[in-house]
Amino acid sequence: MSQLLPLRSKARRRDRHGRGLRGPIIDGHLPAARTRADKFDDLIGYDLATFRAHLGSKMKHLDFGVLDVPETDPAPWEHGVPLARYLPFERPAKITGRIVFYRLPILQAAKRAPDPHLFIHDIVTEQLSSALGRDPEEIDYLRRS
């Protein structure tokens, strides 16, 4: 007769040398458990939410995304690695375009900026102004006088 082994999901989760339980040290709902990618997403999301409060329904036809790095090489008119891209949709739909922000290139470039949060805000402002067909100064809620 074969001996039944306990299922892995029912077994106690210990490390290889029996020194303690395996698993996360910090609960997922605590702030310290947030990854750098999560924090970046929050920063972009907060800026976009503030723009939505100022611009209202003008942003309702846009979609937003964050990727770690661009999936393709830069276009001939892009100098270096792009930080973000506006991708318009050609077919008529509820969503007219998507703005994609590239986390790692933005964070690398923000290290060289005097104010990293303002640098990221400027990138969001540029992309939104391009998508809406307006001047960045016209929609920027921080620099509006």
N, C-alpha and C. Protein backbone atom coordinates (compact mmCIF):
# COMPACT_ATOMS: atom_id res chain seq x y z
N MET A 1 0.84 -1.17 0.00
CA MET A 1 0.00 0.00 0.00
C MET A 1 0.89 1.23 0.00
N SER A 2 0.49 2.17 -0.79
CA SER A 2 1.26 3.41 -0.83
C SER A 2 0.81 4.33 0.29
N GLN A 3 1.77 5.00 0.85
CA GLN A 3 1.47 5.92 1.93
C GLN A 3 1.05 7.26 1.33
N LEU A 4 -0.04 7.83 1.82
CA LEU A 4 -0.50 9.12 1.32
C LEU A 4 0.32 10.24 1.93
N LEU A 5 0.81 11.12 1.09
CA LEU A 5 1.56 12.28 1.56
C LEU A 5 0.59 13.44 1.75
N PRO A 6 0.83 14.27 2.74
CA PRO A 6 -0.06 15.42 2.92
C PRO A 6 0.08 16.38 1.75
N LEU A 7 -1.03 17.01 1.38
CA LEU A 7 -0.99 18.01 0.33
C LEU A 7 -0.15 19.20 0.80
N ARG A 8 0.53 19.81 -0.15
CA ARG A 8 1.39 20.92 0.20
C ARG A 8 0.61 22.08 0.81
N SER A 9 -0.63 22.28 0.36
CA SER A 9 -1.41 23.39 0.87
C SER A 9 -1.82 23.17 2.33
N LYS A 10 -1.86 21.91 2.78
CA LYS A 10 -2.25 21.62 4.15
C LYS A 10 -1.04 21.52 5.08
N ALA A 11 0.14 21.37 4.54
CA ALA A 11 1.33 21.21 5.36
C ALA A 11 1.74 22.56 5.95
N ARG A 12 2.41 22.50 7.09
CA ARG A 12 2.93 23.73 7.69
C ARG A 12 4.05 24.25 6.80
N ARG A 13 4.06 25.53 6.58
CA ARG A 13 5.05 26.11 5.68
C ARG A 13 6.25 26.56 6.49
N ARG A 14 7.30 25.78 6.44
CA ARG A 14 8.53 26.10 7.15
C ARG A 14 9.65 26.22 6.13
N ASP A 15 10.67 26.95 6.50
CA ASP A 15 11.80 27.04 5.59
C ASP A 15 12.58 25.73 5.61
N ARG A 16 13.53 25.60 4.73
CA ARG A 16 14.24 24.35 4.53
C ARG A 16 14.94 23.85 5.79
N HIS A 17 15.42 24.75 6.63
CA HIS A 17 16.21 24.37 7.79
C HIS A 17 15.40 24.39 9.09
N GLY A 18 14.10 24.53 8.99
CA GLY A 18 13.26 24.48 10.17
C GLY A 18 13.37 25.67 11.08
N ARG A 19 13.71 26.84 10.56
CA ARG A 19 13.91 28.01 11.41
C ARG A 19 12.68 28.88 11.55
N GLY A 20 11.64 28.61 10.86
CA GLY A 20 10.45 29.45 11.01
C GLY A 20 9.51 29.30 9.83
N LEU A 21 8.41 29.99 9.93
CA LEU A 21 7.40 29.94 8.88
C LEU A 21 7.85 30.74 7.67
N ARG A 22 7.50 30.26 6.50
CA ARG A 22 7.77 30.99 5.27
C ARG A 22 6.56 31.84 4.94
N GLY A 23 6.80 32.94 4.33
CA GLY A 23 5.71 33.80 3.91
C GLY A 23 6.09 35.25 4.08
N PRO A 24 5.17 36.11 3.77
CA PRO A 24 5.47 37.54 3.87
C PRO A 24 5.71 37.96 5.31
N ILE A 25 6.66 38.85 5.50
CA ILE A 25 6.98 39.35 6.82
C ILE A 25 5.97 40.43 7.22
N ILE A 26 5.52 41.20 6.23
CA ILE A 26 4.60 42.30 6.48
C ILE A 26 3.28 41.98 5.77
N ASP A 27 2.17 42.25 6.45
CA ASP A 27 0.87 42.05 5.82
C ASP A 27 0.74 42.95 4.60
N GLY A 28 0.03 42.47 3.59
CA GLY A 28 -0.11 43.19 2.34
C GLY A 28 -0.84 44.50 2.43
N HIS A 29 -1.63 44.71 3.46
CA HIS A 29 -2.40 45.95 3.57
C HIS A 29 -1.62 47.07 4.25
N LEU A 30 -0.44 46.80 4.77
CA LEU A 30 0.36 47.83 5.43
C LEU A 30 1.18 48.61 4.42
N PRO A 31 1.45 49.90 4.68
CA PRO A 31 2.20 50.72 3.71
C PRO A 31 3.58 50.19 3.38
N ALA A 32 4.25 49.54 4.31
CA ALA A 32 5.60 49.04 4.06
C ALA A 32 5.61 47.90 3.05
N ALA A 33 4.47 47.28 2.80
CA ALA A 33 4.40 46.17 1.85
C ALA A 33 4.25 46.66 0.41
N ARG A 34 4.09 47.95 0.21
CA ARG A 34 3.92 48.49 -1.14
C ARG A 34 5.25 48.42 -1.90
N THR A 35 5.22 47.95 -3.12
CA THR A 35 6.43 47.89 -3.93
C THR A 35 6.68 49.25 -4.56
N ARG A 36 7.86 49.40 -5.14
CA ARG A 36 8.17 50.65 -5.82
C ARG A 36 7.25 50.87 -7.01
N ALA A 37 6.89 49.79 -7.69
CA ALA A 37 5.95 49.90 -8.81
C ALA A 37 4.58 50.37 -8.33
N ASP A 38 4.13 49.85 -7.19
CA ASP A 38 2.86 50.28 -6.63
C ASP A 38 2.89 51.77 -6.26
N LYS A 39 3.98 52.20 -5.67
CA LYS A 39 4.11 53.61 -5.29
C LYS A 39 4.11 54.52 -6.53
N PHE A 40 4.78 54.06 -7.59
CA PHE A 40 4.79 54.84 -8.83
C PHE A 40 3.38 54.91 -9.42
N ASP A 41 2.68 53.79 -9.43
CA ASP A 41 1.30 53.77 -9.92
C ASP A 41 0.43 54.74 -9.13
N ASP A 42 0.63 54.78 -7.82
CA ASP A 42 -0.13 55.70 -6.98
C ASP A 42 0.17 57.15 -7.33
N LEU A 43 1.44 57.45 -7.59
CA LEU A 43 1.84 58.81 -7.93
C LEU A 43 1.20 59.25 -9.25
N ILE A 44 1.27 58.40 -10.26
CA ILE A 44 0.65 58.71 -11.55
C ILE A 44 -0.88 58.80 -11.39
N GLY A 45 -1.45 57.87 -10.66
CA GLY A 45 -2.90 57.86 -10.45
C GLY A 45 -3.39 59.10 -9.73
N TYR A 46 -2.64 59.55 -8.72
CA TYR A 46 -3.03 60.76 -7.99
C TYR A 46 -3.00 61.98 -8.92
N ASP A 47 -1.94 62.09 -9.72
CA ASP A 47 -1.83 63.22 -10.64
C ASP A 47 -2.96 63.19 -11.67
N LEU A 48 -3.27 62.02 -12.20
CA LEU A 48 -4.35 61.90 -13.17
C LEU A 48 -5.71 62.21 -12.53
N ALA A 49 -5.90 61.79 -11.29
CA ALA A 49 -7.16 62.08 -10.60
C ALA A 49 -7.31 63.59 -10.36
N THR A 50 -6.21 64.26 -10.06
CA THR A 50 -6.26 65.71 -9.87
C THR A 50 -6.56 66.40 -11.19
N PHE A 51 -5.95 65.92 -12.28
CA PHE A 51 -6.27 66.47 -13.60
C PHE A 51 -7.75 66.24 -13.93
N ARG A 52 -8.26 65.05 -13.61
CA ARG A 52 -9.67 64.75 -13.88
C ARG A 52 -10.60 65.69 -13.11
N ALA A 53 -10.21 66.05 -11.89
CA ALA A 53 -11.01 66.99 -11.11
C ALA A 53 -11.01 68.38 -11.74
N HIS A 54 -9.89 68.76 -12.38
CA HIS A 54 -9.81 70.08 -13.01
C HIS A 54 -10.36 70.11 -14.43
N LEU A 55 -10.20 69.02 -15.17
CA LEU A 55 -10.61 69.01 -16.57
C LEU A 55 -12.00 68.41 -16.78
N GLY A 56 -12.47 67.65 -15.83
CA GLY A 56 -13.82 67.08 -15.93
C GLY A 56 -13.94 66.03 -17.01
N SER A 57 -14.97 66.15 -17.80
CA SER A 57 -15.31 65.11 -18.78
C SER A 57 -14.38 65.09 -20.00
N LYS A 58 -13.44 66.01 -20.10
CA LYS A 58 -12.54 66.03 -21.25
C LYS A 58 -11.62 64.81 -21.27
N MET A 59 -11.44 64.18 -20.12
CA MET A 59 -10.55 63.02 -20.03
C MET A 59 -11.29 61.69 -20.10
N LYS A 60 -12.61 61.72 -20.21
CA LYS A 60 -13.37 60.47 -20.11
C LYS A 60 -13.15 59.52 -21.29
N HIS A 61 -12.63 60.01 -22.39
CA HIS A 61 -12.39 59.16 -23.56
C HIS A 61 -10.95 58.67 -23.67
N LEU A 62 -10.19 58.83 -22.59
CA LEU A 62 -8.79 58.40 -22.58
C LEU A 62 -8.60 57.23 -21.64
N ASP A 63 -7.66 56.37 -21.99
CA ASP A 63 -7.29 55.23 -21.18
C ASP A 63 -5.83 55.43 -20.77
N PHE A 64 -5.45 54.92 -19.60
CA PHE A 64 -4.10 55.12 -19.10
C PHE A 64 -3.50 53.78 -18.69
N GLY A 65 -2.18 53.68 -18.84
CA GLY A 65 -1.49 52.47 -18.45
C GLY A 65 -0.06 52.77 -18.03
N VAL A 66 0.52 51.84 -17.29
CA VAL A 66 1.92 51.96 -16.86
C VAL A 66 2.61 50.65 -17.21
N LEU A 67 3.72 50.75 -17.90
CA LEU A 67 4.58 49.61 -18.19
C LEU A 67 5.95 49.88 -17.61
N ASP A 68 6.70 48.83 -17.34
CA ASP A 68 8.05 49.02 -16.81
C ASP A 68 8.97 49.69 -17.82
N VAL A 69 8.99 49.18 -19.04
CA VAL A 69 9.83 49.73 -20.11
C VAL A 69 9.05 49.67 -21.42
N PRO A 70 9.45 50.46 -22.43
CA PRO A 70 8.78 50.37 -23.73
C PRO A 70 8.99 48.99 -24.35
N GLU A 71 7.96 48.49 -24.99
CA GLU A 71 8.05 47.17 -25.62
C GLU A 71 8.74 47.22 -26.98
N THR A 72 8.83 48.39 -27.58
CA THR A 72 9.44 48.54 -28.89
C THR A 72 10.57 49.56 -28.82
N ASP A 73 11.38 49.57 -29.86
CA ASP A 73 12.44 50.56 -29.96
C ASP A 73 11.83 51.94 -30.17
N PRO A 74 12.59 52.99 -29.85
CA PRO A 74 12.07 54.34 -30.07
C PRO A 74 11.80 54.60 -31.54
N ALA A 75 10.78 55.41 -31.80
CA ALA A 75 10.48 55.82 -33.17
C ALA A 75 11.57 56.79 -33.63
N PRO A 76 11.71 56.98 -34.94
CA PRO A 76 12.79 57.86 -35.44
C PRO A 76 12.72 59.28 -34.88
N TRP A 77 11.53 59.78 -34.56
CA TRP A 77 11.41 61.15 -34.06
C TRP A 77 11.59 61.23 -32.54
N GLU A 78 11.69 60.09 -31.87
CA GLU A 78 11.92 60.08 -30.42
C GLU A 78 13.42 60.06 -30.16
N HIS A 79 13.86 60.93 -29.29
CA HIS A 79 15.28 61.00 -28.96
C HIS A 79 15.51 60.19 -27.69
N GLY A 80 16.25 59.11 -27.80
CA GLY A 80 16.51 58.27 -26.64
C GLY A 80 15.32 57.40 -26.30
N VAL A 81 15.29 56.94 -25.07
CA VAL A 81 14.21 56.07 -24.61
C VAL A 81 12.99 56.94 -24.27
N PRO A 82 11.82 56.61 -24.81
CA PRO A 82 10.64 57.42 -24.49
C PRO A 82 10.21 57.23 -23.03
N LEU A 83 9.70 58.30 -22.44
CA LEU A 83 9.21 58.24 -21.07
C LEU A 83 7.73 57.90 -21.02
N ALA A 84 7.02 58.29 -22.06
CA ALA A 84 5.58 58.02 -22.15
C ALA A 84 5.18 58.15 -23.62
N ARG A 85 4.05 57.58 -23.95
CA ARG A 85 3.54 57.66 -25.33
C ARG A 85 2.03 57.82 -25.31
N TYR A 86 1.55 58.64 -26.26
CA TYR A 86 0.11 58.73 -26.49
C TYR A 86 -0.18 57.91 -27.74
N LEU A 87 -1.07 56.94 -27.62
CA LEU A 87 -1.42 56.06 -28.72
C LEU A 87 -2.88 56.30 -29.10
N PRO A 88 -3.13 57.08 -30.17
CA PRO A 88 -4.52 57.33 -30.57
C PRO A 88 -5.12 56.10 -31.22
N PHE A 89 -6.40 55.89 -31.02
CA PHE A 89 -7.12 54.79 -31.66
C PHE A 89 -7.78 55.32 -32.93
N GLU A 90 -7.70 54.55 -34.01
CA GLU A 90 -8.23 55.01 -35.29
C GLU A 90 -9.72 54.73 -35.44
N ARG A 91 -10.18 53.64 -34.90
CA ARG A 91 -11.58 53.30 -35.09
C ARG A 91 -12.45 54.09 -34.12
N PRO A 92 -13.65 54.41 -34.51
CA PRO A 92 -14.52 55.13 -33.58
C PRO A 92 -14.92 54.22 -32.42
N ALA A 93 -14.69 54.70 -31.22
CA ALA A 93 -15.01 53.92 -30.03
C ALA A 93 -15.21 54.88 -28.86
N LYS A 94 -15.59 54.32 -27.73
CA LYS A 94 -15.75 55.15 -26.53
C LYS A 94 -14.40 55.69 -26.06
N ILE A 95 -13.36 54.90 -26.24
CA ILE A 95 -12.00 55.31 -25.87
C ILE A 95 -11.28 55.76 -27.14
N THR A 96 -10.79 57.00 -27.14
CA THR A 96 -10.15 57.55 -28.34
C THR A 96 -8.65 57.35 -28.36
N GLY A 97 -8.05 57.04 -27.20
CA GLY A 97 -6.61 56.84 -27.17
C GLY A 97 -6.15 56.38 -25.81
N ARG A 98 -4.89 56.00 -25.76
CA ARG A 98 -4.29 55.50 -24.52
C ARG A 98 -2.97 56.20 -24.29
N ILE A 99 -2.74 56.61 -23.06
CA ILE A 99 -1.45 57.17 -22.66
C ILE A 99 -0.75 56.12 -21.82
N VAL A 100 0.46 55.76 -22.24
CA VAL A 100 1.25 54.75 -21.54
C VAL A 100 2.47 55.43 -20.95
N PHE A 101 2.66 55.25 -19.64
CA PHE A 101 3.81 55.79 -18.94
C PHE A 101 4.79 54.65 -18.68
N TYR A 102 6.08 54.91 -18.90
CA TYR A 102 7.11 53.89 -18.71
C TYR A 102 7.85 54.16 -17.41
N ARG A 103 7.63 53.30 -16.43
CA ARG A 103 8.07 53.53 -15.06
C ARG A 103 9.59 53.66 -14.92
N LEU A 104 10.35 52.70 -15.41
CA LEU A 104 11.80 52.72 -15.19
C LEU A 104 12.49 53.89 -15.89
N PRO A 105 12.18 54.19 -17.16
CA PRO A 105 12.81 55.37 -17.76
C PRO A 105 12.43 56.68 -17.06
N ILE A 106 11.17 56.79 -16.60
CA ILE A 106 10.77 58.01 -15.90
C ILE A 106 11.52 58.13 -14.58
N LEU A 107 11.64 57.04 -13.84
CA LEU A 107 12.34 57.11 -12.56
C LEU A 107 13.82 57.40 -12.74
N GLN A 108 14.43 56.86 -13.80
CA GLN A 108 15.85 57.15 -14.07
C GLN A 108 16.03 58.63 -14.39
N ALA A 109 15.16 59.17 -15.24
CA ALA A 109 15.28 60.58 -15.60
C ALA A 109 14.93 61.48 -14.42
N ALA A 110 14.00 61.06 -13.57
CA ALA A 110 13.60 61.87 -12.42
C ALA A 110 14.72 62.01 -11.40
N LYS A 111 15.64 61.05 -11.37
CA LYS A 111 16.77 61.14 -10.44
C LYS A 111 17.64 62.36 -10.74
N ARG A 112 17.70 62.75 -12.00
CA ARG A 112 18.53 63.88 -12.41
C ARG A 112 17.79 65.21 -12.29
N ALA A 113 16.50 65.18 -12.03
CA ALA A 113 15.70 66.40 -11.94
C ALA A 113 15.79 66.99 -10.54
N PRO A 114 15.72 68.33 -10.43
CA PRO A 114 15.76 68.95 -9.11
C PRO A 114 14.56 68.57 -8.24
N ASP A 115 13.38 68.43 -8.84
CA ASP A 115 12.18 68.02 -8.11
C ASP A 115 11.54 66.86 -8.87
N PRO A 116 11.76 65.61 -8.42
CA PRO A 116 11.24 64.46 -9.15
C PRO A 116 9.72 64.44 -9.31
N HIS A 117 8.98 64.89 -8.30
CA HIS A 117 7.51 64.88 -8.40
C HIS A 117 7.03 65.88 -9.46
N LEU A 118 7.67 67.03 -9.52
CA LEU A 118 7.31 68.03 -10.53
C LEU A 118 7.70 67.52 -11.93
N PHE A 119 8.81 66.81 -12.02
CA PHE A 119 9.23 66.23 -13.30
C PHE A 119 8.17 65.24 -13.81
N ILE A 120 7.70 64.37 -12.93
CA ILE A 120 6.67 63.40 -13.31
C ILE A 120 5.37 64.11 -13.67
N HIS A 121 5.02 65.16 -12.92
CA HIS A 121 3.83 65.95 -13.23
C HIS A 121 3.94 66.57 -14.63
N ASP A 122 5.13 67.06 -14.98
CA ASP A 122 5.33 67.65 -16.30
C ASP A 122 5.14 66.61 -17.41
N ILE A 123 5.58 65.38 -17.19
CA ILE A 123 5.39 64.33 -18.18
C ILE A 123 3.90 64.02 -18.35
N VAL A 124 3.17 63.93 -17.25
CA VAL A 124 1.73 63.68 -17.32
C VAL A 124 1.04 64.84 -18.05
N THR A 125 1.44 66.07 -17.74
CA THR A 125 0.85 67.24 -18.37
C THR A 125 1.11 67.24 -19.88
N GLU A 126 2.34 66.94 -20.28
CA GLU A 126 2.68 66.90 -21.72
C GLU A 126 1.82 65.88 -22.46
N GLN A 127 1.70 64.70 -21.90
CA GLN A 127 0.95 63.63 -22.56
C GLN A 127 -0.54 63.97 -22.64
N LEU A 128 -1.09 64.52 -21.56
CA LEU A 128 -2.50 64.90 -21.58
C LEU A 128 -2.76 66.02 -22.58
N SER A 129 -1.86 66.99 -22.64
CA SER A 129 -2.06 68.09 -23.58
C SER A 129 -1.99 67.59 -25.01
N SER A 130 -1.11 66.63 -25.26
CA SER A 130 -1.03 66.04 -26.60
C SER A 130 -2.31 65.29 -26.94
N ALA A 131 -2.83 64.54 -25.98
CA ALA A 131 -4.04 63.76 -26.22
C ALA A 131 -5.27 64.64 -26.40
N LEU A 132 -5.31 65.76 -25.67
CA LEU A 132 -6.47 66.65 -25.73
C LEU A 132 -6.34 67.73 -26.80
N GLY A 133 -5.15 67.84 -27.40
CA GLY A 133 -4.94 68.85 -28.43
C GLY A 133 -4.93 70.26 -27.88
N ARG A 134 -4.38 70.43 -26.69
CA ARG A 134 -4.31 71.74 -26.05
C ARG A 134 -2.88 72.01 -25.61
N ASP A 135 -2.59 73.27 -25.28
CA ASP A 135 -1.26 73.63 -24.79
C ASP A 135 -1.08 73.14 -23.36
N PRO A 136 0.13 72.70 -23.00
CA PRO A 136 0.35 72.25 -21.63
C PRO A 136 0.06 73.34 -20.58
N GLU A 137 0.38 74.59 -20.89
CA GLU A 137 0.14 75.69 -19.95
C GLU A 137 -1.36 75.90 -19.71
N GLU A 138 -2.16 75.52 -20.68
CA GLU A 138 -3.61 75.71 -20.60
C GLU A 138 -4.27 74.73 -19.62
N ILE A 139 -3.71 73.53 -19.49
CA ILE A 139 -4.34 72.51 -18.65
C ILE A 139 -3.61 72.28 -17.34
N ASP A 140 -2.41 72.81 -17.18
CA ASP A 140 -1.59 72.54 -15.99
C ASP A 140 -2.18 73.24 -14.78
N TYR A 141 -2.68 72.49 -13.83
CA TYR A 141 -3.30 73.07 -12.65
C TYR A 141 -2.27 73.63 -11.66
N LEU A 142 -1.01 73.21 -11.74
CA LEU A 142 0.02 73.72 -10.84
C LEU A 142 0.56 75.08 -11.27
N ARG A 143 0.64 75.29 -12.54
CA ARG A 143 1.28 76.51 -13.06
C ARG A 143 0.28 77.52 -13.61
N ARG A 144 -0.99 77.25 -13.40
CA ARG A 144 -2.01 78.19 -13.88
C ARG A 144 -2.04 79.39 -12.95
N SER A 145 -2.10 80.57 -13.54
CA SER A 145 -2.12 81.77 -12.68
C SER A 145 -3.50 82.33 -12.49
